[in-house]
Amino acid sequence: MQNDSLAPGFVSEPATRHPRCREIGRLICTDVGYALHRSDGADLWLEMENIPQNLIEREVVIAGTLYGLDLISVESIGPALG
C-alpha cells in the first residue's frame, strides 16, 4: 500500500498484531538467555527487562506478548501457585 505522505519509494504497511499469552512452566537460564520450560517439553524464549533471580528453576506463570512460535516479551512474571 503506497502512502503519498512518505518520501517516494517508501511503503507503509499496517502494524502486525501479536497475540497476548499466559504460560506456566519452569524458568530456566541457558547459555544464550532465559526460557520457560513447559510441561510438554517445549522451551519458550523470554525477553525480560528485569530477571527475577529468586524464581530461576522454579515454576512460574508469565503473561506477555507472543512473537512467532517461541518468543515471549514478558510483561509480568510470578510464582505459580498450586
N, C-alpha and C. Protein backbone atom coordinates (compact mmCIF):
# COMPACT_ATOMS: atom_id res chain seq x y z
N MET A 1 0.85 -1.17 0.00
CA MET A 1 0.00 0.00 0.00
C MET A 1 0.89 1.22 0.00
N GLN A 2 0.73 2.11 -0.94
CA GLN A 2 1.55 3.31 -1.08
C GLN A 2 0.93 4.44 -0.27
N ASN A 3 1.75 5.15 0.49
CA ASN A 3 1.30 6.29 1.28
C ASN A 3 1.94 7.53 0.67
N ASP A 4 1.12 8.45 0.12
CA ASP A 4 1.65 9.62 -0.57
C ASP A 4 2.32 10.62 0.35
N SER A 5 2.12 10.50 1.67
CA SER A 5 2.75 11.45 2.58
C SER A 5 4.20 11.08 2.89
N LEU A 6 4.63 9.89 2.49
CA LEU A 6 6.00 9.45 2.71
C LEU A 6 6.85 9.80 1.50
N ALA A 7 8.15 9.78 1.69
CA ALA A 7 9.06 10.04 0.58
C ALA A 7 8.85 9.00 -0.51
N PRO A 8 9.08 9.35 -1.76
CA PRO A 8 8.90 8.40 -2.86
C PRO A 8 9.71 7.12 -2.63
N GLY A 9 9.10 5.98 -2.90
CA GLY A 9 9.79 4.70 -2.76
C GLY A 9 9.53 4.00 -1.44
N PHE A 10 8.96 4.70 -0.45
CA PHE A 10 8.67 4.09 0.83
C PHE A 10 7.26 3.53 0.82
N VAL A 11 7.10 2.38 1.45
CA VAL A 11 5.80 1.74 1.52
C VAL A 11 5.39 1.67 2.98
N SER A 12 4.18 2.06 3.26
CA SER A 12 3.64 1.99 4.61
C SER A 12 2.80 0.73 4.75
N GLU A 13 3.18 -0.15 5.65
CA GLU A 13 2.45 -1.39 5.89
C GLU A 13 1.73 -1.29 7.23
N PRO A 14 0.58 -1.92 7.34
CA PRO A 14 -0.11 -1.92 8.63
C PRO A 14 0.71 -2.67 9.68
N ALA A 15 0.61 -2.23 10.93
CA ALA A 15 1.34 -2.88 12.02
C ALA A 15 0.81 -4.30 12.22
N THR A 16 1.72 -5.22 12.49
CA THR A 16 1.35 -6.60 12.76
C THR A 16 0.90 -6.71 14.21
N ARG A 17 -0.23 -7.34 14.43
CA ARG A 17 -0.73 -7.55 15.79
C ARG A 17 -0.19 -8.89 16.29
N HIS A 18 0.29 -8.89 17.52
CA HIS A 18 0.81 -10.11 18.12
C HIS A 18 -0.09 -10.52 19.27
N PRO A 19 -0.37 -11.82 19.40
CA PRO A 19 -1.30 -12.27 20.43
C PRO A 19 -0.73 -12.16 21.83
N ARG A 20 -1.60 -11.89 22.78
CA ARG A 20 -1.24 -11.92 24.19
C ARG A 20 -1.20 -13.39 24.61
N CYS A 21 -0.40 -13.69 25.61
CA CYS A 21 -0.33 -15.07 26.06
C CYS A 21 -0.12 -15.14 27.56
N ARG A 22 -0.46 -16.28 28.11
CA ARG A 22 -0.22 -16.60 29.51
C ARG A 22 0.28 -18.03 29.53
N GLU A 23 1.44 -18.24 30.12
CA GLU A 23 2.07 -19.57 30.11
C GLU A 23 2.56 -19.92 31.51
N ILE A 24 2.60 -21.21 31.78
CA ILE A 24 3.11 -21.73 33.05
C ILE A 24 4.22 -22.72 32.74
N GLY A 25 5.31 -22.66 33.49
CA GLY A 25 6.41 -23.60 33.31
C GLY A 25 7.56 -23.26 34.24
N ARG A 26 8.68 -23.93 34.02
CA ARG A 26 9.88 -23.71 34.85
C ARG A 26 10.76 -22.66 34.19
N LEU A 27 11.11 -21.62 34.95
CA LEU A 27 12.02 -20.58 34.45
C LEU A 27 13.44 -21.13 34.47
N ILE A 28 14.07 -21.19 33.31
CA ILE A 28 15.43 -21.73 33.23
C ILE A 28 16.39 -20.70 32.64
N CYS A 29 17.65 -20.84 32.99
CA CYS A 29 18.71 -19.99 32.46
C CYS A 29 19.60 -20.88 31.60
N THR A 30 19.81 -20.47 30.34
CA THR A 30 20.67 -21.23 29.43
C THR A 30 21.89 -20.39 29.09
N ASP A 31 22.76 -20.95 28.26
CA ASP A 31 23.96 -20.21 27.84
C ASP A 31 23.61 -18.97 27.01
N VAL A 32 22.44 -18.97 26.39
CA VAL A 32 22.08 -17.86 25.49
C VAL A 32 20.95 -16.97 26.00
N GLY A 33 20.38 -17.30 27.15
CA GLY A 33 19.31 -16.46 27.68
C GLY A 33 18.38 -17.22 28.60
N TYR A 34 17.22 -16.64 28.81
CA TYR A 34 16.24 -17.23 29.71
C TYR A 34 15.10 -17.83 28.90
N ALA A 35 14.54 -18.91 29.44
CA ALA A 35 13.46 -19.61 28.75
C ALA A 35 12.47 -20.13 29.77
N LEU A 36 11.29 -20.42 29.27
CA LEU A 36 10.26 -21.07 30.06
C LEU A 36 10.15 -22.49 29.54
N HIS A 37 10.44 -23.46 30.39
CA HIS A 37 10.37 -24.88 30.01
C HIS A 37 8.99 -25.38 30.41
N ARG A 38 8.14 -25.66 29.42
CA ARG A 38 6.79 -26.11 29.69
C ARG A 38 6.74 -27.60 29.97
N SER A 39 5.64 -28.04 30.54
CA SER A 39 5.48 -29.46 30.90
C SER A 39 5.43 -30.37 29.67
N ASP A 40 5.10 -29.82 28.49
CA ASP A 40 5.09 -30.63 27.27
C ASP A 40 6.47 -30.76 26.64
N GLY A 41 7.51 -30.18 27.29
CA GLY A 41 8.88 -30.28 26.80
C GLY A 41 9.34 -29.12 25.95
N ALA A 42 8.42 -28.25 25.55
CA ALA A 42 8.78 -27.10 24.71
C ALA A 42 9.44 -26.00 25.55
N ASP A 43 10.40 -25.31 24.95
CA ASP A 43 11.03 -24.15 25.57
C ASP A 43 10.59 -22.90 24.83
N LEU A 44 10.14 -21.90 25.57
CA LEU A 44 9.77 -20.61 25.01
C LEU A 44 10.82 -19.60 25.46
N TRP A 45 11.42 -18.90 24.53
CA TRP A 45 12.45 -17.91 24.86
C TRP A 45 11.77 -16.66 25.41
N LEU A 46 12.42 -16.05 26.39
CA LEU A 46 11.82 -14.92 27.10
C LEU A 46 12.65 -13.67 26.91
N GLU A 47 11.96 -12.58 26.65
CA GLU A 47 12.58 -11.26 26.60
C GLU A 47 12.07 -10.51 27.82
N MET A 48 12.98 -10.22 28.76
CA MET A 48 12.60 -9.55 30.02
C MET A 48 13.59 -8.45 30.33
N GLU A 49 13.08 -7.36 30.91
CA GLU A 49 13.97 -6.28 31.34
C GLU A 49 14.61 -6.62 32.68
N ASN A 50 13.81 -7.10 33.62
CA ASN A 50 14.31 -7.45 34.95
C ASN A 50 14.24 -8.96 35.11
N ILE A 51 15.35 -9.56 35.55
CA ILE A 51 15.42 -11.00 35.72
C ILE A 51 15.19 -11.33 37.19
N PRO A 52 14.11 -12.02 37.52
CA PRO A 52 13.83 -12.38 38.92
C PRO A 52 14.68 -13.58 39.35
N GLN A 53 15.86 -13.31 39.87
CA GLN A 53 16.80 -14.38 40.24
C GLN A 53 16.20 -15.39 41.20
N ASN A 54 15.28 -14.94 42.07
CA ASN A 54 14.69 -15.84 43.05
C ASN A 54 13.71 -16.84 42.42
N LEU A 55 13.33 -16.64 41.16
CA LEU A 55 12.39 -17.54 40.50
C LEU A 55 13.05 -18.52 39.54
N ILE A 56 14.37 -18.40 39.33
CA ILE A 56 15.06 -19.32 38.41
C ILE A 56 14.98 -20.73 38.98
N GLU A 57 14.66 -21.68 38.11
CA GLU A 57 14.48 -23.10 38.43
C GLU A 57 13.23 -23.35 39.26
N ARG A 58 12.28 -22.42 39.22
CA ARG A 58 11.00 -22.61 39.90
C ARG A 58 9.88 -22.54 38.88
N GLU A 59 8.73 -23.09 39.25
CA GLU A 59 7.54 -23.00 38.41
C GLU A 59 7.00 -21.57 38.50
N VAL A 60 6.76 -20.98 37.32
CA VAL A 60 6.29 -19.60 37.28
C VAL A 60 5.12 -19.49 36.31
N VAL A 61 4.40 -18.39 36.42
CA VAL A 61 3.38 -18.03 35.45
C VAL A 61 3.81 -16.70 34.85
N ILE A 62 3.75 -16.61 33.52
CA ILE A 62 4.13 -15.38 32.86
C ILE A 62 2.98 -14.90 31.97
N ALA A 63 2.93 -13.60 31.76
CA ALA A 63 1.97 -13.00 30.84
C ALA A 63 2.76 -12.06 29.95
N GLY A 64 2.42 -12.01 28.68
CA GLY A 64 3.14 -11.14 27.77
C GLY A 64 2.59 -11.22 26.36
N THR A 65 3.45 -10.89 25.42
CA THR A 65 3.09 -10.87 24.01
C THR A 65 3.93 -11.91 23.27
N LEU A 66 3.26 -12.75 22.47
CA LEU A 66 3.93 -13.82 21.74
C LEU A 66 4.38 -13.32 20.37
N TYR A 67 5.65 -13.53 20.06
CA TYR A 67 6.21 -13.19 18.75
C TYR A 67 6.67 -14.49 18.11
N GLY A 68 6.11 -14.82 16.97
CA GLY A 68 6.44 -16.08 16.32
C GLY A 68 5.90 -17.24 17.12
N LEU A 69 6.62 -18.34 17.11
CA LEU A 69 6.15 -19.54 17.81
C LEU A 69 6.76 -19.71 19.19
N ASP A 70 7.91 -19.05 19.45
CA ASP A 70 8.60 -19.38 20.70
C ASP A 70 9.32 -18.21 21.38
N LEU A 71 8.87 -16.99 21.16
CA LEU A 71 9.47 -15.83 21.83
C LEU A 71 8.37 -15.03 22.51
N ILE A 72 8.53 -14.80 23.81
CA ILE A 72 7.56 -14.02 24.56
C ILE A 72 8.23 -12.79 25.13
N SER A 73 7.64 -11.64 24.88
CA SER A 73 8.04 -10.40 25.54
C SER A 73 7.25 -10.37 26.84
N VAL A 74 7.94 -10.58 27.96
CA VAL A 74 7.30 -10.76 29.26
C VAL A 74 6.90 -9.42 29.85
N GLU A 75 5.64 -9.33 30.26
CA GLU A 75 5.14 -8.13 30.94
C GLU A 75 4.99 -8.37 32.44
N SER A 76 4.71 -9.61 32.83
CA SER A 76 4.64 -9.93 34.26
C SER A 76 5.05 -11.39 34.46
N ILE A 77 5.65 -11.63 35.63
CA ILE A 77 6.10 -12.98 35.98
C ILE A 77 5.96 -13.12 37.49
N GLY A 78 5.55 -14.32 37.93
CA GLY A 78 5.42 -14.59 39.34
C GLY A 78 5.42 -16.08 39.59
N PRO A 79 5.49 -16.47 40.85
CA PRO A 79 5.49 -17.89 41.16
C PRO A 79 4.14 -18.51 40.81
N ALA A 80 4.18 -19.73 40.30
CA ALA A 80 2.94 -20.47 40.00
C ALA A 80 2.40 -21.00 41.32
N LEU A 81 1.15 -20.77 41.57
CA LEU A 81 0.53 -21.22 42.81
C LEU A 81 -0.07 -22.60 42.61
N GLY A 82 0.06 -23.41 43.59
CA GLY A 82 -0.57 -24.72 43.50
C GLY A 82 0.38 -25.78 43.65
